[in-house]
């Protein structure tokens, strides 16, 4: 049984059928398809299209079908072109001729768009929960880090010392922006296409606002032509997923570096590491490498789908059948990555001594310039003087903390014995206590901010 065969006298070529059918993908929206049909049946009853008896037969059949999907006992037939066909075919088996009235005033165009949006409205909160769990792990690591120091980098060159807690939290906020984007997206997903027909609207007197409310949508689409073709929400979800993957990839890349022998800042748990089939000594950060790699896959899903959308000529074109697979794949990929990352990051053991040993006195060169600012010298001049001090120390194989005072004074008489106190990395960190800074007091405030975000405050 197909939903469109009356105009045709011949049978669709088998290879064309295989290309055309979408059941392997859209059967994932089975519950949404049934729920949408239940709401539509009620709308048809209210509009006088269905009699009370017919309505009872239809909703009873749909309820039975829904249960079959839940229990995984639903049997698909060889002629089921898509999930809509499968549901209607089964409904005829259960409800008889009354089932033929269910599609009155409805098209697969508005039906599939409705199913897809309903699926995404259910998927976004699940993704948000997984992101929040990962954020929680980052906060826990930040709290456990206390006042442990870690080198901060720009251009992958040692820059300034940081609190390790500050570093952990630097990955919390991108995830918060990811969650904010998803929450904002819900408003644009929650627009009901059902009742738009194929493209021109429906002649049936259905209350689309009531229909939207019944299905949990915020509003009904204002333009039927746009409603059946709009896939902005799918593209936007793919963008959210891809950007989240970029944030996860950045975190993963830093973990890969920091767990290497060259850095040695973190120790991976055996539970989230793998070995080599040849080299017995290896302990590989595969979880993080796979996260980094899958970011490329998610970026590809976004760009591929945007290419599908870029030149469609009419309201609905079959190209739009390509909308669901990338969205499902993106959601599945993140649903797989995020819990593993939460476990892997939560089990990492920091190595404070190794981090502290990587902090040298040259990383306090800015503090040296700030020291002279405190003596009343303009920063642009102190920056140059600090740079000259670095050159003097490097040329002699010394650090800024071991460069003799007379050589400092040769650069400027404002240098005094207290210059060496300015080169203490602990004090360097403590001085950066402005909002968002790395000082212990600022980081404690930031941890509370992060906790408040998780609470939804």
Foldseek 3Di string as FASTA:
>chain_A
DDPDPPVDDDDDDPVVLVVQALAVFQVVLLLLLLLLLLLLLVLCVVLVLDPPVLSVLQNVQSVVVNVCVVVVNQDADPPQRHSNSSSLVSSCVRRNPSSVSSCAQADVLLSVLSSLLLVLLVLLVVLLVLLLLLLVLLLVVLVVQQQQKFFDDDVNDGAAIFRVSLVSCVLNVLSLVLNVLSVVLNLVSLEHLTQLHPANGGPGPGDVQVSSVSSVGPYYDPGNLQSSQDPVSLLSLLVSLLSVLVSLLVVLVVVQVCVDPVQVFKPWDQVQWDADPPDRVDTHNVLSVVSNVVSVVSVVLNVVVCVLSVDDDGSDDSSCSSRRVSSVVSSVVSSVNSVSSSVGSSRMDGDSVSRVVPDFLLSLLLLLLVVVVVVVDDSVVSNVLSVVLCVVQVVVVHGSLPDDQVVSVVSPVVDDPCSNVSSDSLVVQCVQQDQSGRHSNNSVVVSVVSVVVSVVD
